C-alpha cells in the first residue's frame, strides 16, 4: 500500500493524480498541451521581436 504522501497534483486543475502522471485526465492533458504550445509561441514572438529591434538599432548605429 502506498504511503499517504505518494502522489502528485494535476498541473492543470490541482486534483490528486498518480506519481508518474502530470495530469489527472485526458482532458487536462490536452489543455496542458495547448497551454505549452501557446507559451512556446509567445516566447518565439518575444525573442523574434527582440532580435528585430536589435537589428534595427544596430543598423541605425552603423549608418
PDB file of N, CA and C in Angstrom:
ATOM      1  N   UNK A   1       0.851  -1.192   0.000  1.00  0.00           N
ATOM      2  CA  UNK A   1       0.000   0.000   0.000  1.00  0.00           C
ATOM      3  C   UNK A   1       0.885   1.240   0.000  1.00  0.00           C
ATOM      4  N   UNK A   2       0.610   2.200  -0.908  1.00  0.00           N
ATOM      5  CA  UNK A   2       1.445   3.398  -0.978  1.00  0.00           C
ATOM      6  C   UNK A   2       1.249   4.290   0.238  1.00  0.00           C
ATOM      7  N   UNK A   3       2.309   4.982   0.571  1.00  0.00           N
ATOM      8  CA  UNK A   3       2.224   5.924   1.687  1.00  0.00           C
ATOM      9  C   UNK A   3       1.299   7.077   1.314  1.00  0.00           C
ATOM     10  N   UNK A   4       0.840   7.777   2.315  1.00  0.00           N
ATOM     11  CA  UNK A   4      -0.134   8.852   2.082  1.00  0.00           C
ATOM     12  C   UNK A   4       0.450   9.984   1.246  1.00  0.00           C
ATOM     13  N   UNK A   5       1.750  10.216   1.312  1.00  0.00           N
ATOM     14  CA  UNK A   5       2.372  11.313   0.582  1.00  0.00           C
ATOM     15  C   UNK A   5       2.801  10.946  -0.826  1.00  0.00           C
ATOM     16  N   UNK A   6       2.550   9.706  -1.270  1.00  0.00           N
ATOM     17  CA  UNK A   6       2.986   9.268  -2.594  1.00  0.00           C
ATOM     18  C   UNK A   6       1.960   9.617  -3.665  1.00  0.00           C
ATOM     19  N   UNK A   7       1.886  10.875  -3.999  1.00  0.00           N
ATOM     20  CA  UNK A   7       1.005  11.321  -5.070  1.00  0.00           C
ATOM     21  C   UNK A   7       1.482  12.673  -5.570  1.00  0.00           C
ATOM     22  N   UNK A   8       0.956  13.077  -6.696  1.00  0.00           N
ATOM     23  CA  UNK A   8       1.212  14.394  -7.261  1.00  0.00           C
ATOM     24  C   UNK A   8      -0.126  15.059  -7.505  1.00  0.00           C
ATOM     25  N   UNK A   9      -0.060  16.319  -7.842  1.00  0.00           N
ATOM     26  CA  UNK A   9      -1.272  17.049  -8.177  1.00  0.00           C
ATOM     27  C   UNK A   9      -1.227  17.417  -9.651  1.00  0.00           C
ATOM     28  N   UNK A  10      -2.394  17.412 -10.262  1.00  0.00           N
ATOM     29  CA  UNK A  10      -2.540  17.748 -11.671  1.00  0.00           C
ATOM     30  C   UNK A  10      -2.035  19.174 -11.907  1.00  0.00           C
ATOM     31  N   UNK A  11      -1.259  19.360 -12.961  1.00  0.00           N
ATOM     32  CA  UNK A  11      -0.704  20.679 -13.264  1.00  0.00           C
ATOM     33  C   UNK A  11      -1.738  21.635 -13.833  1.00  0.00           C
ATOM     34  N   UNK A  12      -2.926  21.124 -14.180  1.00  0.00           N
ATOM     35  CA  UNK A  12      -3.968  21.963 -14.756  1.00  0.00           C
ATOM     36  C   UNK A  12      -5.022  22.321 -13.709  1.00  0.00           C
ATOM     37  N   UNK A  13      -5.597  21.296 -13.084  1.00  0.00           N
ATOM     38  CA  UNK A  13      -6.726  21.547 -12.186  1.00  0.00           C
ATOM     39  C   UNK A  13      -6.397  21.357 -10.705  1.00  0.00           C
ATOM     40  N   UNK A  14      -5.266  20.734 -10.387  1.00  0.00           N
ATOM     41  CA  UNK A  14      -4.864  20.588  -8.994  1.00  0.00           C
ATOM     42  C   UNK A  14      -5.381  19.341  -8.292  1.00  0.00           C
ATOM     43  N   UNK A  15      -6.122  18.493  -8.995  1.00  0.00           N
ATOM     44  CA  UNK A  15      -6.607  17.258  -8.379  1.00  0.00           C
ATOM     45  C   UNK A  15      -5.450  16.290  -8.160  1.00  0.00           C
ATOM     46  N   UNK A  16      -5.647  15.351  -7.267  1.00  0.00           N
ATOM     47  CA  UNK A  16      -4.643  14.343  -6.997  1.00  0.00           C
ATOM     48  C   UNK A  16      -4.574  13.364  -8.162  1.00  0.00           C
ATOM     49  N   UNK A  17      -3.344  13.039  -8.592  1.00  0.00           N
ATOM     50  CA  UNK A  17      -3.151  12.032  -9.633  1.00  0.00           C
ATOM     51  C   UNK A  17      -1.968  11.159  -9.227  1.00  0.00           C
ATOM     52  N   UNK A  18      -1.655  10.177 -10.024  1.00  0.00           N
ATOM     53  CA  UNK A  18      -0.595   9.236  -9.694  1.00  0.00           C
ATOM     54  C   UNK A  18       0.781   9.877  -9.678  1.00  0.00           C
ATOM     55  N   UNK A  19       1.746   9.156  -9.126  1.00  0.00           N
ATOM     56  CA  UNK A  19       3.110   9.655  -9.013  1.00  0.00           C
ATOM     57  C   UNK A  19       3.740   9.842 -10.391  1.00  0.00           C
ATOM     58  N   UNK A  20       3.418   8.988 -11.328  1.00  0.00           N
ATOM     59  CA  UNK A  20       4.026   9.020 -12.652  1.00  0.00           C
ATOM     60  C   UNK A  20       3.291   9.911 -13.644  1.00  0.00           C
ATOM     61  N   UNK A  21       2.236  10.569 -13.236  1.00  0.00           N
ATOM     62  CA  UNK A  21       1.405  11.346 -14.153  1.00  0.00           C
ATOM     63  C   UNK A  21       1.491  12.831 -13.839  1.00  0.00           C
ATOM     64  N   UNK A  22       1.413  13.656 -14.885  1.00  0.00           N
ATOM     65  CA  UNK A  22       1.393  15.106 -14.708  1.00  0.00           C
ATOM     66  C   UNK A  22      -0.027  15.646 -14.635  1.00  0.00           C
ATOM     67  N   UNK A  23      -0.954  14.939 -15.281  1.00  0.00           N
ATOM     68  CA  UNK A  23      -2.342  15.378 -15.309  1.00  0.00           C
ATOM     69  C   UNK A  23      -3.253  14.250 -14.850  1.00  0.00           C
ATOM     70  N   UNK A  24      -4.466  14.622 -14.454  1.00  0.00           N
ATOM     71  CA  UNK A  24      -5.387  13.632 -13.903  1.00  0.00           C
ATOM     72  C   UNK A  24      -6.272  12.981 -14.963  1.00  0.00           C
ATOM     73  N   UNK A  25      -6.426  13.622 -16.121  1.00  0.00           N
ATOM     74  CA  UNK A  25      -7.317  13.068 -17.144  1.00  0.00           C
ATOM     75  C   UNK A  25      -6.816  13.443 -18.531  1.00  0.00           C
ATOM     76  N   UNK A  26      -7.431  12.856 -19.523  1.00  0.00           N
ATOM     77  CA  UNK A  26      -7.073  13.152 -20.914  1.00  0.00           C
ATOM     78  C   UNK A  26      -7.428  14.605 -21.258  1.00  0.00           C
ATOM     79  N   UNK A  27      -8.525  15.103 -20.724  1.00  0.00           N
ATOM     80  CA  UNK A  27      -8.932  16.488 -20.997  1.00  0.00           C
ATOM     81  C   UNK A  27      -7.895  17.468 -20.438  1.00  0.00           C
ATOM     82  N   UNK A  28      -7.407  17.190 -19.228  1.00  0.00           N
ATOM     83  CA  UNK A  28      -6.385  18.054 -18.644  1.00  0.00           C
ATOM     84  C   UNK A  28      -5.080  17.947 -19.420  1.00  0.00           C
ATOM     85  N   UNK A  29      -4.752  16.765 -19.921  1.00  0.00           N
ATOM     86  CA  UNK A  29      -3.541  16.592 -20.715  1.00  0.00           C
ATOM     87  C   UNK A  29      -3.625  17.412 -21.997  1.00  0.00           C
ATOM     88  N   UNK A  30      -4.784  17.424 -22.637  1.00  0.00           N
ATOM     89  CA  UNK A  30      -4.964  18.210 -23.854  1.00  0.00           C
ATOM     90  C   UNK A  30      -4.881  19.703 -23.551  1.00  0.00           C
ATOM     91  N   UNK A  31      -5.479  20.120 -22.454  1.00  0.00           N
ATOM     92  CA  UNK A  31      -5.430  21.529 -22.071  1.00  0.00           C
ATOM     93  C   UNK A  31      -3.992  21.943 -21.759  1.00  0.00           C
ATOM     94  N   UNK A  32      -3.241  21.067 -21.094  1.00  0.00           N
ATOM     95  CA  UNK A  32      -1.832  21.337 -20.773  1.00  0.00           C
ATOM     96  C   UNK A  32      -1.009  21.466 -22.055  1.00  0.00           C
ATOM     97  N   UNK A  33      -1.267  20.598 -23.024  1.00  0.00           N
ATOM     98  CA  UNK A  33      -0.554  20.662 -24.301  1.00  0.00           C
ATOM     99  C   UNK A  33      -0.833  21.988 -25.012  1.00  0.00           C
ATOM    100  N   UNK A  34      -2.088  22.436 -24.979  1.00  0.00           N
ATOM    101  CA  UNK A  34      -2.429  23.731 -25.592  1.00  0.00           C
ATOM    102  C   UNK A  34      -1.740  24.876 -24.859  1.00  0.00           C
ATOM    103  N   UNK A  35      -1.681  24.806 -23.523  1.00  0.00           N
ATOM    104  CA  UNK A  35      -1.010  25.843 -22.746  1.00  0.00           C
ATOM    105  C   UNK A  35       0.468  25.922 -23.093  1.00  0.00           C
ATOM    106  N   UNK A  36       1.121  24.766 -23.192  1.00  0.00           N
ATOM    107  CA  UNK A  36       2.543  24.741 -23.513  1.00  0.00           C
ATOM    108  C   UNK A  36       2.806  25.246 -24.921  1.00  0.00           C
ATOM    109  N   UNK A  37       1.949  24.894 -25.870  1.00  0.00           N
ATOM    110  CA  UNK A  37       2.102  25.376 -27.240  1.00  0.00           C
ATOM    111  C   UNK A  37       1.918  26.893 -27.297  1.00  0.00           C
ATOM    112  N   UNK A  38       0.957  27.403 -26.568  1.00  0.00           N
ATOM    113  CA  UNK A  38       0.717  28.838 -26.532  1.00  0.00           C
ATOM    114  C   UNK A  38       1.911  29.565 -25.910  1.00  0.00           C
ATOM    115  N   UNK A  39       2.439  29.027 -24.840  1.00  0.00           N
ATOM    116  CA  UNK A  39       3.598  29.638 -24.179  1.00  0.00           C
ATOM    117  C   UNK A  39       4.809  29.617 -25.107  1.00  0.00           C
ATOM    118  N   UNK A  40       5.002  28.522 -25.842  1.00  0.00           N
ATOM    119  CA  UNK A  40       6.119  28.406 -26.780  1.00  0.00           C
ATOM    120  C   UNK A  40       5.990  29.453 -27.879  1.00  0.00           C
ATOM    121  N   UNK A  41       4.792  29.631 -28.407  1.00  0.00           N
ATOM    122  CA  UNK A  41       4.557  30.639 -29.444  1.00  0.00           C
ATOM    123  C   UNK A  41       4.858  32.038 -28.913  1.00  0.00           C
ATOM    124  N   UNK A  42       4.425  32.312 -27.691  1.00  0.00           N
ATOM    125  CA  UNK A  42       4.670  33.620 -27.078  1.00  0.00           C
ATOM    126  C   UNK A  42       6.166  33.878 -26.933  1.00  0.00           C
ATOM    127  N   UNK A  43       6.915  32.883 -26.496  1.00  0.00           N
ATOM    128  CA  UNK A  43       8.361  33.038 -26.320  1.00  0.00           C
ATOM    129  C   UNK A  43       9.037  33.281 -27.662  1.00  0.00           C
ATOM    130  N   UNK A  44       8.629  32.544 -28.702  1.00  0.00           N
ATOM    131  CA  UNK A  44       9.200  32.756 -30.032  1.00  0.00           C
ATOM    132  C   UNK A  44       8.919  34.174 -30.524  1.00  0.00           C
ATOM    133  N   UNK A  45       7.719  34.661 -30.322  1.00  0.00           N
ATOM    134  CA  UNK A  45       7.386  36.029 -30.732  1.00  0.00           C
ATOM    135  C   UNK A  45       8.193  37.055 -29.945  1.00  0.00           C
ATOM    136  N   UNK A  46       8.364  36.814 -28.666  1.00  0.00           N
ATOM    137  CA  UNK A  46       9.140  37.719 -27.819  1.00  0.00           C
ATOM    138  C   UNK A  46      10.589  37.789 -28.290  1.00  0.00           C
ATOM    139  N   UNK A  47      11.218  36.627 -28.523  1.00  0.00           N
ATOM    140  CA  UNK A  47      12.602  36.606 -28.986  1.00  0.00           C
ATOM    141  C   UNK A  47      12.723  37.190 -30.392  1.00  0.00           C
ATOM    142  N   UNK A  48      11.764  36.925 -31.255  1.00  0.00           N
ATOM    143  CA  UNK A  48      11.787  37.479 -32.600  1.00  0.00           C
ATOM    144  C   UNK A  48      11.705  38.996 -32.591  1.00  0.00           C
ATOM    145  N   UNK A  49      10.829  39.520 -31.751  1.00  0.00           N
ATOM    146  CA  UNK A  49      10.690  40.974 -31.635  1.00  0.00           C
ATOM    147  C   UNK A  49      11.962  41.600 -31.082  1.00  0.00           C
ATOM    148  N   UNK A  50      12.546  40.967 -30.080  1.00  0.00           N
ATOM    149  CA  UNK A  50      13.797  41.484 -29.515  1.00  0.00           C
ATOM    150  C   UNK A  50      14.905  41.464 -30.555  1.00  0.00           C
ATOM    151  N   UNK A  51      14.992  40.393 -31.332  1.00  0.00           N
ATOM    152  CA  UNK A  51      16.014  40.308 -32.375  1.00  0.00           C
ATOM    153  C   UNK A  51      15.788  41.372 -33.442  1.00  0.00           C
ATOM    154  N   UNK A  52      14.551  41.580 -33.845  1.00  0.00           N
ATOM    155  CA  UNK A  52      14.238  42.602 -34.847  1.00  0.00           C
ATOM    156  C   UNK A  52      14.604  43.997 -34.345  1.00  0.00           C
ATOM    157  N   UNK A  53      14.274  44.289 -33.098  1.00  0.00           N
ATOM    158  CA  UNK A  53      14.621  45.597 -32.535  1.00  0.00           C
ATOM    159  C   UNK A  53      16.132  45.773 -32.437  1.00  0.00           C
ATOM    160  N   UNK A  54      16.840  44.717 -32.104  1.00  0.00           N
ATOM    161  CA  UNK A  54      18.294  44.782 -32.034  1.00  0.00           C
ATOM    162  C   UNK A  54      18.896  45.034 -33.412  1.00  0.00           C
ATOM    163  N   UNK A  55      18.377  44.382 -34.423  1.00  0.00           N
ATOM    164  CA  UNK A  55      18.855  44.581 -35.795  1.00  0.00           C
ATOM    165  C   UNK A  55      18.607  46.007 -36.243  1.00  0.00           C
ATOM    166  N   UNK A  56      17.424  46.517 -35.976  1.00  0.00           N
ATOM    167  CA  UNK A  56      17.093  47.900 -36.363  1.00  0.00           C
ATOM    168  C   UNK A  56      18.004  48.876 -35.617  1.00  0.00           C
ATOM    169  N   UNK A  57      18.203  48.673 -34.335  1.00  0.00           N
ATOM    170  CA  UNK A  57      19.045  49.565 -33.531  1.00  0.00           C
ATOM    171  C   UNK A  57      20.489  49.539 -34.030  1.00  0.00           C
ATOM    172  N   UNK A  58      21.018  48.335 -34.287  1.00  0.00           N
ATOM    173  CA  UNK A  58      22.408  48.233 -34.749  1.00  0.00           C
ATOM    174  C   UNK A  58      22.561  48.801 -36.152  1.00  0.00           C
ATOM    175  N   UNK A  59      21.573  48.630 -37.001  1.00  0.00           N
ATOM    176  CA  UNK A  59      21.677  49.187 -38.354  1.00  0.00           C
ATOM    177  C   UNK A  59      21.645  50.716 -38.320  1.00  0.00           C
ATOM    178  N   UNK A  60      20.941  51.286 -37.382  1.00  0.00           N
ATOM    179  CA  UNK A  60      20.915  52.758 -37.249  1.00  0.00           C
ATOM    180  C   UNK A  60      22.274  53.282 -36.758  1.00  0.00           C
ATOM    181  N   UNK A  61      22.947  52.492 -35.929  1.00  0.00           N
ATOM    182  CA  UNK A  61      24.267  52.934 -35.441  1.00  0.00           C
ATOM    183  C   UNK A  61      25.333  52.878 -36.534  1.00  0.00           C
ATOM    184  N   UNK A  62      25.212  51.919 -37.427  1.00  0.00           N
ATOM    185  CA  UNK A  62      26.232  51.727 -38.461  1.00  0.00           C
ATOM    186  C   UNK A  62      26.032  52.610 -39.671  1.00  0.00           C
ATOM    187  N   UNK A  63      24.869  53.205 -39.816  1.00  0.00           N
ATOM    188  CA  UNK A  63      24.581  54.044 -40.987  1.00  0.00           C
ATOM    189  C   UNK A  63      24.986  55.477 -40.709  1.00  0.00           C
TER     190      UNK A  63
END
